[in-house]
């Protein structure tokens, strides 16, 4: 299996999520915002020391965005470099679930999806910072 490319996955999921959000396709936008944020955090976790095994993150890090924050914070706190990549204290993805892909699209409103969009933008800013800093 080729190694995961968290950076590329983050970029393409985020771009597609933004396009769907602008078109009012909120259910799929929301799903992709969560995946984009997850891939972005895993990209940063790699910068902060996460080691891949057979192209995948370690088992403890194979989590979706609604359960990934504690692991991400552990990587940030585990290295001086991590202080540059801290997220705001509140986690907008606590109410996001990969299982929501099965829900009817009427369940997704701007009030639900917009915080996920903003959370993904926060992650994208940190990924961009790592890229500009030559870490990616």
C-alpha atoms as a PDB file:
ATOM      1  CA  UNK A   1       0.000   0.000   0.000  1.00  0.00           C
ATOM      2  CA  UNK A   2       1.448   3.428  -0.887  1.00  0.00           C
ATOM      3  CA  UNK A   3       1.935   5.816   2.019  1.00  0.00           C
ATOM      4  CA  UNK A   4      -0.963   8.064   2.872  1.00  0.00           C
ATOM      5  CA  UNK A   5      -0.792  11.575   1.425  1.00  0.00           C
ATOM      6  CA  UNK A   6      -2.610  13.493   4.116  1.00  0.00           C
ATOM      7  CA  UNK A   7      -1.682  16.852   2.602  1.00  0.00           C
ATOM      8  CA  UNK A   8      -3.222  16.071  -0.794  1.00  0.00           C
ATOM      9  CA  UNK A   9      -6.279  14.485   0.824  1.00  0.00           C
ATOM     10  CA  UNK A  10      -6.742  17.545   3.032  1.00  0.00           C
ATOM     11  CA  UNK A  11      -6.468  19.910   0.077  1.00  0.00           C
ATOM     12  CA  UNK A  12      -8.876  18.102  -2.249  1.00  0.00           C
ATOM     13  CA  UNK A  13     -11.496  17.331   0.406  1.00  0.00           C
ATOM     14  CA  UNK A  14     -11.420  20.946   1.568  1.00  0.00           C
ATOM     15  CA  UNK A  15     -11.728  22.344  -1.950  1.00  0.00           C
ATOM     16  CA  UNK A  16     -14.631  20.045  -2.781  1.00  0.00           C
ATOM     17  CA  UNK A  17     -16.339  20.796   0.548  1.00  0.00           C
ATOM     18  CA  UNK A  18     -16.142  24.548  -0.090  1.00  0.00           C
ATOM     19  CA  UNK A  19     -17.557  24.139  -3.592  1.00  0.00           C
ATOM     20  CA  UNK A  20     -20.450  22.015  -2.338  1.00  0.00           C
ATOM     21  CA  UNK A  21     -21.099  24.450   0.526  1.00  0.00           C
ATOM     22  CA  UNK A  22     -21.355  27.350  -1.922  1.00  0.00           C
ATOM     23  CA  UNK A  23     -23.828  25.324  -4.004  1.00  0.00           C
ATOM     24  CA  UNK A  24     -25.985  24.596  -0.961  1.00  0.00           C
ATOM     25  CA  UNK A  25     -25.128  20.889  -1.015  1.00  0.00           C
ATOM     26  CA  UNK A  26     -24.706  20.888   2.736  1.00  0.00           C
ATOM     27  CA  UNK A  27     -24.828  17.166   3.533  1.00  0.00           C
ATOM     28  CA  UNK A  28     -21.883  16.237   1.340  1.00  0.00           C
ATOM     29  CA  UNK A  29     -20.078  19.478   2.172  1.00  0.00           C
ATOM     30  CA  UNK A  30     -20.320  18.626   5.859  1.00  0.00           C
ATOM     31  CA  UNK A  31     -18.989  15.113   5.321  1.00  0.00           C
ATOM     32  CA  UNK A  32     -16.020  16.453   3.367  1.00  0.00           C
ATOM     33  CA  UNK A  33     -15.314  19.231   5.885  1.00  0.00           C
ATOM     34  CA  UNK A  34     -14.857  16.540   8.521  1.00  0.00           C
ATOM     35  CA  UNK A  35     -12.606  14.443   6.295  1.00  0.00           C
ATOM     36  CA  UNK A  36     -10.598  17.505   5.242  1.00  0.00           C
ATOM     37  CA  UNK A  37     -10.017  18.542   8.847  1.00  0.00           C
ATOM     38  CA  UNK A  38      -9.080  14.979   9.794  1.00  0.00           C
ATOM     39  CA  UNK A  39      -6.560  14.692   6.964  1.00  0.00           C
ATOM     40  CA  UNK A  40      -5.162  18.127   7.792  1.00  0.00           C
ATOM     41  CA  UNK A  41      -4.609  17.198  11.435  1.00  0.00           C
ATOM     42  CA  UNK A  42      -2.993  13.908  10.427  1.00  0.00           C
ATOM     43  CA  UNK A  43      -0.745  15.839   8.059  1.00  0.00           C
ATOM     44  CA  UNK A  44       0.322  18.044  10.961  1.00  0.00           C
ATOM     45  CA  UNK A  45       0.659  15.045  13.277  1.00  0.00           C
ATOM     46  CA  UNK A  46       3.150  13.621  10.788  1.00  0.00           C
ATOM     47  CA  UNK A  47       5.143  16.859  10.993  1.00  0.00           C
ATOM     48  CA  UNK A  48       4.995  16.556  14.785  1.00  0.00           C
ATOM     49  CA  UNK A  49       6.296  12.980  14.854  1.00  0.00           C
ATOM     50  CA  UNK A  50       3.507  10.564  13.946  1.00  0.00           C
ATOM     51  CA  UNK A  51       5.006   7.528  12.251  1.00  0.00           C
ATOM     52  CA  UNK A  52       3.115   5.663   9.529  1.00  0.00           C
ATOM     53  CA  UNK A  53       3.023   1.885   9.392  1.00  0.00           C
ATOM     54  CA  UNK A  54       2.320   0.263   6.041  1.00  0.00           C
ATOM     55  CA  UNK A  55       1.115   3.615   4.736  1.00  0.00           C
ATOM     56  CA  UNK A  56      -1.345   4.151   7.595  1.00  0.00           C
ATOM     57  CA  UNK A  57      -1.194   6.047  10.872  1.00  0.00           C
ATOM     58  CA  UNK A  58      -0.560   4.002  14.019  1.00  0.00           C
ATOM     59  CA  UNK A  59      -3.681   2.272  15.296  1.00  0.00           C
ATOM     60  CA  UNK A  60      -4.149   4.817  18.098  1.00  0.00           C
ATOM     61  CA  UNK A  61      -4.311   7.599  15.494  1.00  0.00           C
ATOM     62  CA  UNK A  62      -6.800   5.936  13.141  1.00  0.00           C
ATOM     63  CA  UNK A  63      -9.663   8.099  14.287  1.00  0.00           C
ATOM     64  CA  UNK A  64     -12.093  10.412  12.573  1.00  0.00           C
ATOM     65  CA  UNK A  65     -12.147  14.121  13.324  1.00  0.00           C
ATOM     66  CA  UNK A  66     -14.748  13.849  16.095  1.00  0.00           C
ATOM     67  CA  UNK A  67     -12.315  11.676  18.094  1.00  0.00           C
ATOM     68  CA  UNK A  68      -8.949  12.941  16.851  1.00  0.00           C
ATOM     69  CA  UNK A  69      -8.479  16.134  18.845  1.00  0.00           C
ATOM     70  CA  UNK A  70      -6.980  14.520  21.960  1.00  0.00           C
ATOM     71  CA  UNK A  71      -4.447  12.630  19.845  1.00  0.00           C
ATOM     72  CA  UNK A  72      -3.565  15.810  17.949  1.00  0.00           C
ATOM     73  CA  UNK A  73      -3.093  17.735  21.188  1.00  0.00           C
ATOM     74  CA  UNK A  74      -0.767  14.959  22.432  1.00  0.00           C
ATOM     75  CA  UNK A  75       1.477  15.462  19.405  1.00  0.00           C
ATOM     76  CA  UNK A  76       1.423  19.250  19.844  1.00  0.00           C
ATOM     77  CA  UNK A  77       2.375  18.928  23.499  1.00  0.00           C
ATOM     78  CA  UNK A  78       5.076  16.348  22.745  1.00  0.00           C
ATOM     79  CA  UNK A  79       7.445  18.675  20.911  1.00  0.00           C
ATOM     80  CA  UNK A  80       8.463  22.354  21.084  1.00  0.00           C
ATOM     81  CA  UNK A  81       7.418  22.666  17.431  1.00  0.00           C
ATOM     82  CA  UNK A  82       3.866  21.798  18.472  1.00  0.00           C
ATOM     83  CA  UNK A  83       3.355  25.189  20.116  1.00  0.00           C
ATOM     84  CA  UNK A  84       3.209  26.678  16.601  1.00  0.00           C
ATOM     85  CA  UNK A  85       0.271  24.459  15.642  1.00  0.00           C
ATOM     86  CA  UNK A  86      -2.135  24.688  18.553  1.00  0.00           C
ATOM     87  CA  UNK A  87      -5.849  24.824  17.779  1.00  0.00           C
ATOM     88  CA  UNK A  88      -8.367  27.028  19.573  1.00  0.00           C
ATOM     89  CA  UNK A  89      -9.663  25.381  22.756  1.00  0.00           C
ATOM     90  CA  UNK A  90     -13.177  24.640  21.486  1.00  0.00           C
ATOM     91  CA  UNK A  91     -13.645  21.692  19.143  1.00  0.00           C
ATOM     92  CA  UNK A  92     -16.299  22.343  16.464  1.00  0.00           C
ATOM     93  CA  UNK A  93     -16.298  18.696  15.365  1.00  0.00           C
ATOM     94  CA  UNK A  94     -17.673  17.092  18.517  1.00  0.00           C
ATOM     95  CA  UNK A  95     -21.077  16.801  16.814  1.00  0.00           C
ATOM     96  CA  UNK A  96     -19.664  15.503  13.502  1.00  0.00           C
ATOM     97  CA  UNK A  97     -19.709  11.775  12.779  1.00  0.00           C
ATOM     98  CA  UNK A  98     -18.670   9.737   9.782  1.00  0.00           C
ATOM     99  CA  UNK A  99     -21.913   7.823  10.351  1.00  0.00           C
ATOM    100  CA  UNK A 100     -23.863  10.940   9.352  1.00  0.00           C
ATOM    101  CA  UNK A 101     -23.200  10.008   5.744  1.00  0.00           C
ATOM    102  CA  UNK A 102     -26.306   7.844   6.052  1.00  0.00           C
ATOM    103  CA  UNK A 103     -28.585  10.628   7.285  1.00  0.00           C
ATOM    104  CA  UNK A 104     -31.115  12.374   5.085  1.00  0.00           C
ATOM    105  CA  UNK A 105     -29.724  15.551   3.576  1.00  0.00           C
ATOM    106  CA  UNK A 106     -32.472  17.666   5.156  1.00  0.00           C
ATOM    107  CA  UNK A 107     -30.752  17.063   8.508  1.00  0.00           C
ATOM    108  CA  UNK A 108     -27.883  19.327   7.440  1.00  0.00           C
ATOM    109  CA  UNK A 109     -28.461  23.036   7.938  1.00  0.00           C
ATOM    110  CA  UNK A 110     -26.092  25.980   7.696  1.00  0.00           C
ATOM    111  CA  UNK A 111     -26.217  26.206  11.500  1.00  0.00           C
ATOM    112  CA  UNK A 112     -24.751  22.682  11.688  1.00  0.00           C
ATOM    113  CA  UNK A 113     -22.355  22.865   8.747  1.00  0.00           C
ATOM    114  CA  UNK A 114     -20.890  26.373   9.138  1.00  0.00           C
ATOM    115  CA  UNK A 115     -18.941  25.568  12.348  1.00  0.00           C
ATOM    116  CA  UNK A 116     -17.418  22.573  10.552  1.00  0.00           C
ATOM    117  CA  UNK A 117     -16.460  24.833   7.657  1.00  0.00           C
ATOM    118  CA  UNK A 118     -14.825  27.286  10.048  1.00  0.00           C
ATOM    119  CA  UNK A 119     -13.059  24.466  11.917  1.00  0.00           C
ATOM    120  CA  UNK A 120     -11.673  23.134   8.661  1.00  0.00           C
ATOM    121  CA  UNK A 121     -10.454  26.619   7.779  1.00  0.00           C
ATOM    122  CA  UNK A 122      -8.587  26.766  11.114  1.00  0.00           C
ATOM    123  CA  UNK A 123      -6.874  23.473  10.276  1.00  0.00           C
ATOM    124  CA  UNK A 124      -6.109  24.696   6.749  1.00  0.00           C
ATOM    125  CA  UNK A 125      -4.383  27.783   8.172  1.00  0.00           C
ATOM    126  CA  UNK A 126      -2.101  25.581  10.274  1.00  0.00           C
ATOM    127  CA  UNK A 127      -1.391  23.251   7.327  1.00  0.00           C
ATOM    128  CA  UNK A 128      -0.539  26.310   5.225  1.00  0.00           C
ATOM    129  CA  UNK A 129       1.792  27.533   7.954  1.00  0.00           C
ATOM    130  CA  UNK A 130       3.577  24.168   7.961  1.00  0.00           C
ATOM    131  CA  UNK A 131       3.839  24.266   4.170  1.00  0.00           C
ATOM    132  CA  UNK A 132       5.238  27.815   4.103  1.00  0.00           C
ATOM    133  CA  UNK A 133       7.685  26.814   6.851  1.00  0.00           C
ATOM    134  CA  UNK A 134       9.062  24.018   4.684  1.00  0.00           C
ATOM    135  CA  UNK A 135       7.769  21.281   6.981  1.00  0.00           C
ATOM    136  CA  UNK A 136       5.662  19.647   4.251  1.00  0.00           C
END
